[in-house]
Protein backbone atom coordinates (compact mmCIF):
# COMPACT_ATOMS: atom_id res chain seq x y z
CA UNK A 1 0.00 0.00 0.00
CA UNK A 2 1.16 3.54 -0.72
CA UNK A 3 0.15 6.60 1.26
CA UNK A 4 0.84 10.31 1.22
CA UNK A 5 1.54 10.64 4.96
CA UNK A 6 2.43 7.10 6.04
CA UNK A 7 5.20 4.61 5.48
CA UNK A 8 4.39 0.92 5.93
CA UNK A 9 6.48 -2.23 6.06
CA UNK A 10 5.89 -5.88 6.92
CA UNK A 11 8.46 -8.17 8.48
CA UNK A 12 7.96 -11.56 10.12
CA UNK A 13 4.21 -11.06 10.68
CA UNK A 14 4.74 -7.56 12.14
CA UNK A 15 3.24 -4.59 10.29
CA UNK A 16 5.03 -1.29 10.97
CA UNK A 17 3.15 1.95 10.34
CA UNK A 18 5.20 5.16 10.44
CA UNK A 19 3.45 8.51 10.39
CA UNK A 20 5.59 10.51 8.00
CA UNK A 21 5.02 14.26 8.29
CA UNK A 22 8.34 15.29 9.85
CA UNK A 23 8.02 18.92 8.78
CA UNK A 24 4.78 19.07 10.84
CA UNK A 25 6.14 16.91 13.68
CA UNK A 26 3.81 14.18 12.38
CA UNK A 27 0.71 16.16 13.39
CA UNK A 28 -2.61 14.46 12.72
CA UNK A 29 -4.56 16.12 9.95
CA UNK A 30 -7.69 14.78 8.29
CA UNK A 31 -5.71 13.04 5.55
CA UNK A 32 -3.41 11.29 8.03
CA UNK A 33 -6.32 10.07 10.14
CA UNK A 34 -7.98 8.67 7.01
CA UNK A 35 -4.79 6.93 5.90
CA UNK A 36 -4.18 5.48 9.36
CA UNK A 37 -7.68 4.07 9.34
CA UNK A 38 -7.08 2.47 5.95
CA UNK A 39 -3.71 1.03 6.95
CA UNK A 40 -5.05 -0.43 10.19
CA UNK A 41 -8.04 -2.01 8.48
CA UNK A 42 -5.72 -3.48 5.86
CA UNK A 43 -3.55 -5.00 8.60
CA UNK A 44 -6.61 -6.32 10.44
CA UNK A 45 -7.75 -8.10 7.30
CA UNK A 46 -4.42 -9.79 6.57
CA UNK A 47 -4.16 -13.16 8.33
CA UNK A 48 -0.38 -13.03 8.05
CA UNK A 49 -0.16 -9.87 10.19
CA UNK A 50 -0.14 -10.81 13.86
CA UNK A 51 0.99 -7.51 15.44
CA UNK A 52 1.21 -3.83 14.51
CA UNK A 53 3.83 -1.28 15.57
CA UNK A 54 2.79 2.36 15.22
CA UNK A 55 5.41 5.13 15.33
CA UNK A 56 6.38 8.53 13.94
CA UNK A 57 9.19 9.40 11.57
CA UNK A 58 12.38 10.78 13.13
CA UNK A 59 13.19 11.13 16.81
CA UNK A 60 11.54 14.51 17.44
CA UNK A 61 7.93 13.38 17.54
CA UNK A 62 5.62 10.40 17.63
CA UNK A 63 2.74 12.76 16.91
CA UNK A 64 2.96 16.34 18.20
CA UNK A 65 -0.81 16.81 18.15
CA UNK A 66 -3.62 17.58 15.78
CA UNK A 67 -3.28 20.00 12.89
CA UNK A 68 -4.89 23.04 14.54
CA UNK A 69 -5.06 24.97 11.28
CA UNK A 70 -7.75 22.59 10.05
CA UNK A 71 -10.28 23.39 12.77
CA UNK A 72 -9.36 26.77 14.28
CA UNK A 73 -12.51 28.37 12.80
CA UNK A 74 -14.96 25.51 13.40
CA UNK A 75 -18.43 26.04 14.86
CA UNK A 76 -19.82 24.10 17.83
CA UNK A 77 -21.47 21.54 15.58
CA UNK A 78 -18.38 21.18 13.42
CA UNK A 79 -16.32 20.60 16.56
CA UNK A 80 -18.64 17.86 17.74
CA UNK A 81 -18.56 16.24 14.33
CA UNK A 82 -14.76 16.42 14.24
CA UNK A 83 -14.49 14.63 17.57
CA UNK A 84 -17.11 11.99 16.74
CA UNK A 85 -15.55 11.20 13.37
CA UNK A 86 -12.11 10.87 14.93
CA UNK A 87 -13.41 8.47 17.57
CA UNK A 88 -15.11 6.27 15.01
CA UNK A 89 -12.55 6.37 12.24
CA UNK A 90 -9.32 5.98 14.22
CA UNK A 91 -9.14 6.03 18.01
CA UNK A 92 -11.88 3.53 18.82
CA UNK A 93 -10.78 1.50 15.81
CA UNK A 94 -7.28 1.11 17.24
CA UNK A 95 -8.54 0.18 20.69
CA UNK A 96 -10.89 -2.48 19.35
CA UNK A 97 -8.64 -4.09 16.75
CA UNK A 98 -8.18 -7.82 17.27
CA UNK A 99 -4.57 -7.39 16.12
CA UNK A 100 -2.42 -6.03 18.98
CA UNK A 101 -1.11 -2.51 18.37
CA UNK A 102 2.10 -1.33 20.04
CA UNK A 103 2.86 2.40 20.12
CA UNK A 104 6.55 3.28 19.75
CA UNK A 105 6.63 6.77 21.24
CA UNK A 106 9.66 8.66 19.96
CA UNK A 107 9.81 12.28 21.10
CA UNK A 108 6.69 14.40 21.54
CA UNK A 109 3.30 12.72 21.98
CA UNK A 110 0.96 15.61 22.59
CA UNK A 111 -2.78 16.11 22.28
CA UNK A 112 -4.11 13.82 19.58
CA UNK A 113 -0.72 12.11 19.50
CA UNK A 114 -0.96 11.00 23.10
CA UNK A 115 -4.60 10.08 22.53
CA UNK A 116 -3.51 7.88 19.63
CA UNK A 117 -0.83 6.23 21.77
CA UNK A 118 -3.36 5.63 24.56
CA UNK A 119 -5.67 3.93 22.07
CA UNK A 120 -2.97 1.35 21.41
CA UNK A 121 -2.82 -1.82 23.48
CA UNK A 122 0.79 -1.37 24.63
CA UNK A 123 3.00 1.72 24.80
CA UNK A 124 6.81 1.88 24.72
CA UNK A 125 8.54 5.26 24.98
CA UNK A 126 12.06 6.42 24.27
CA UNK A 127 13.70 8.24 27.16
CA UNK A 128 13.53 11.52 25.26
CA UNK A 129 9.74 11.32 24.95
CA UNK A 130 7.50 14.07 26.29
CA UNK A 131 3.80 13.43 26.74
CA UNK A 132 0.88 15.69 27.49
CA UNK A 133 -2.61 16.92 26.70
CA UNK A 134 -2.22 20.68 26.20
CA UNK A 135 -5.71 21.36 24.86
CA UNK A 136 -6.91 23.62 27.69
CA UNK A 137 -4.15 26.06 26.75
CA UNK A 138 -6.04 26.44 23.45
CA UNK A 139 -9.41 26.88 25.09
CA UNK A 140 -10.64 23.37 24.38
CA UNK A 141 -10.40 19.89 25.94
CA UNK A 142 -9.04 16.60 24.59
CA UNK A 143 -11.56 15.39 22.01
CA UNK A 144 -10.22 12.04 20.83
CA UNK A 145 -10.75 10.03 24.00
CA UNK A 146 -8.07 11.66 26.12
CA UNK A 147 -10.30 12.52 29.08
CA UNK A 148 -11.42 8.90 29.28
CA UNK A 149 -8.35 6.82 28.44
CA UNK A 150 -5.89 8.89 30.47
CA UNK A 151 -8.00 8.47 33.60
CA UNK A 152 -8.25 4.74 32.93
CA UNK A 153 -4.47 4.45 32.69
CA UNK A 154 -3.17 6.80 35.40
CA UNK A 155 -6.19 7.42 37.62
CA UNK A 156 -8.57 10.37 37.95
CA UNK A 157 -6.32 12.64 40.00
CA UNK A 158 -3.25 12.42 37.77
CA UNK A 159 -5.39 12.65 34.65
CA UNK A 160 -7.05 15.84 35.83
CA UNK A 161 -3.67 17.27 36.82
CA UNK A 162 -2.20 16.61 33.38
CA UNK A 163 -5.27 17.91 31.56
CA UNK A 164 -5.87 21.02 33.70
CA UNK A 165 -2.23 22.13 33.86
CA UNK A 166 -1.55 21.21 30.21
CA UNK A 167 1.96 20.25 31.35
CA UNK A 168 4.13 17.70 29.59
CA UNK A 169 5.57 14.78 31.54
CA UNK A 170 8.77 12.82 30.97
CA UNK A 171 9.00 9.22 29.87
CA UNK A 172 10.23 8.32 33.36
CA UNK A 173 7.13 9.85 34.97
CA UNK A 174 4.91 8.19 32.37
CA UNK A 175 6.41 4.84 33.35
CA UNK A 176 5.91 5.52 37.06
CA UNK A 177 2.30 6.52 36.50
CA UNK A 178 1.52 3.52 34.30
CA UNK A 179 1.00 5.53 31.14
CA UNK A 180 3.66 3.53 29.29
CA UNK A 181 4.79 -0.07 29.69
CA UNK A 182 8.51 0.42 29.04
CA UNK A 183 11.10 3.15 28.51
CA UNK A 184 14.09 2.58 26.21
CA UNK A 185 16.77 4.60 24.49
CA UNK A 186 15.79 6.09 21.12
CA UNK A 187 18.14 3.63 19.43
CA UNK A 188 16.47 0.56 20.97
CA UNK A 189 12.85 1.73 20.86
CA UNK A 190 11.76 -0.22 17.78
CA UNK A 191 13.78 -3.25 18.84
CA UNK A 192 11.88 -3.38 22.14
CA UNK A 193 8.57 -3.05 20.34
CA UNK A 194 9.57 -5.84 17.97
CA UNK A 195 10.61 -7.99 20.93
CA UNK A 196 7.13 -7.60 22.42
CA UNK A 197 5.49 -8.20 19.04
CA UNK A 198 7.45 -11.41 18.47
CA UNK A 199 6.43 -12.71 21.88
CA UNK A 200 2.77 -11.93 21.21
CA UNK A 201 2.96 -13.53 17.77
CA UNK A 202 4.08 -16.80 19.35
CA UNK A 203 0.78 -16.99 21.26
CA UNK A 204 -2.66 -17.89 19.95
CA UNK A 205 -4.06 -15.08 17.77
CA UNK A 206 -7.65 -16.02 18.57
CA UNK A 207 -6.92 -16.04 22.30
CA UNK A 208 -5.10 -12.69 22.08
CA UNK A 209 -8.05 -11.17 20.22
CA UNK A 210 -10.45 -12.59 22.81
CA UNK A 211 -8.35 -11.11 25.60
CA UNK A 212 -8.47 -7.68 23.95
CA UNK A 213 -12.26 -7.86 23.72
CA UNK A 214 -12.60 -9.01 27.33
CA UNK A 215 -10.33 -6.31 28.76
CA UNK A 216 -11.99 -3.59 26.67
CA UNK A 217 -15.40 -4.72 27.92
CA UNK A 218 -14.50 -3.51 31.41
CA UNK A 219 -14.51 0.07 30.08
CA UNK A 220 -17.67 -0.13 27.98
CA UNK A 221 -20.84 1.46 29.37
CA UNK A 222 -23.56 -0.98 30.30
CA UNK A 223 -21.40 -4.04 29.66
CA UNK A 224 -20.58 -6.68 32.26
CA UNK A 225 -16.90 -7.40 31.68
CA UNK A 226 -17.01 -10.58 33.73
CA UNK A 227 -19.84 -11.91 31.54
CA UNK A 228 -17.83 -11.09 28.43
CA UNK A 229 -14.82 -12.89 29.89
CA UNK A 230 -16.91 -15.99 30.58
CA UNK A 231 -18.26 -15.95 27.03
CA UNK A 232 -14.85 -15.38 25.41
CA UNK A 233 -13.25 -18.04 27.62
CA UNK A 234 -15.85 -20.60 26.61
CA UNK A 235 -15.64 -19.70 22.93
CA UNK A 236 -11.91 -20.42 22.96
CA UNK A 237 -12.68 -24.07 23.68
CA UNK A 238 -14.15 -24.44 20.19
CA UNK A 239 -11.05 -23.20 18.37
CA UNK A 240 -8.26 -25.10 16.68
CA UNK A 241 -5.77 -22.98 18.61
CA UNK A 242 -7.14 -24.31 21.91
CA UNK A 243 -6.80 -27.87 20.71
CA UNK A 244 -3.27 -27.21 19.50
CA UNK A 245 -2.26 -25.35 22.66
CA UNK A 246 -3.51 -27.97 25.08
CA UNK A 247 -2.19 -30.85 22.97
CA UNK A 248 1.23 -29.24 22.70
CA UNK A 249 1.31 -28.68 26.46
CA UNK A 250 0.47 -32.33 27.18
CA UNK A 251 3.00 -33.50 24.59
CA UNK A 252 5.65 -31.15 26.03
CA UNK A 253 6.28 -29.37 22.73
CA UNK A 254 5.95 -25.84 21.40
CA UNK A 255 2.51 -25.00 20.08
CA UNK A 256 2.11 -23.92 16.46
CA UNK A 257 -0.95 -21.69 16.30
CA UNK A 258 -2.86 -21.02 13.08
CA UNK A 259 -5.26 -18.40 14.39
CA UNK A 260 -8.30 -20.59 13.81
């Protein structure tokens, strides 16, 4: 696939998506959001892709935010539509993909950039990363899930502090607060993400997808996450991967999962 604002590559069942707008610090504009949606749906539909790594070009920025010039003059209704479309087209899409998505946060992850990283299933940051939701300094609030996902990850108090002060935090603080899973050097960032991806790929794809759905259910309004877990757990028993996994365990050999 070829894109205007993205670079993509596949290697050993890992699909790497690089947001490539270095002159704009990889800011999310409408075109980039559309292309990310297309690339992610392509990866989701390819049975050979077992994990996705999402990053930004260069070491200055993962994504430095949204492209403010596109919506600076929007009306109330246009603002609501902008947020709703972003949720549906990209941020909720990432969160609910059955294919695990790992964010490789290199440099600034601000506003929509941090919201994109928080939509991913796992986050790894380089030690030069800076993260924040600066929207209140522009007279607006995070509109791509930031008020919800940040509180889920770091707790209500820290989330409100970050949002209301609009301050950036370091990668070290992000690790302490549980916002990221790991911190690496810039040089080893993608290697760490690949290490995690390879480990995930060795597990059952259907079980991994079921786990994503079950965990996400805990944060869905009106949904009993425990009931979803019971259902997903039981469904796994009817898969070829379950038969292979249990047989391999009993035979003391490594399982070879097909994702069926």
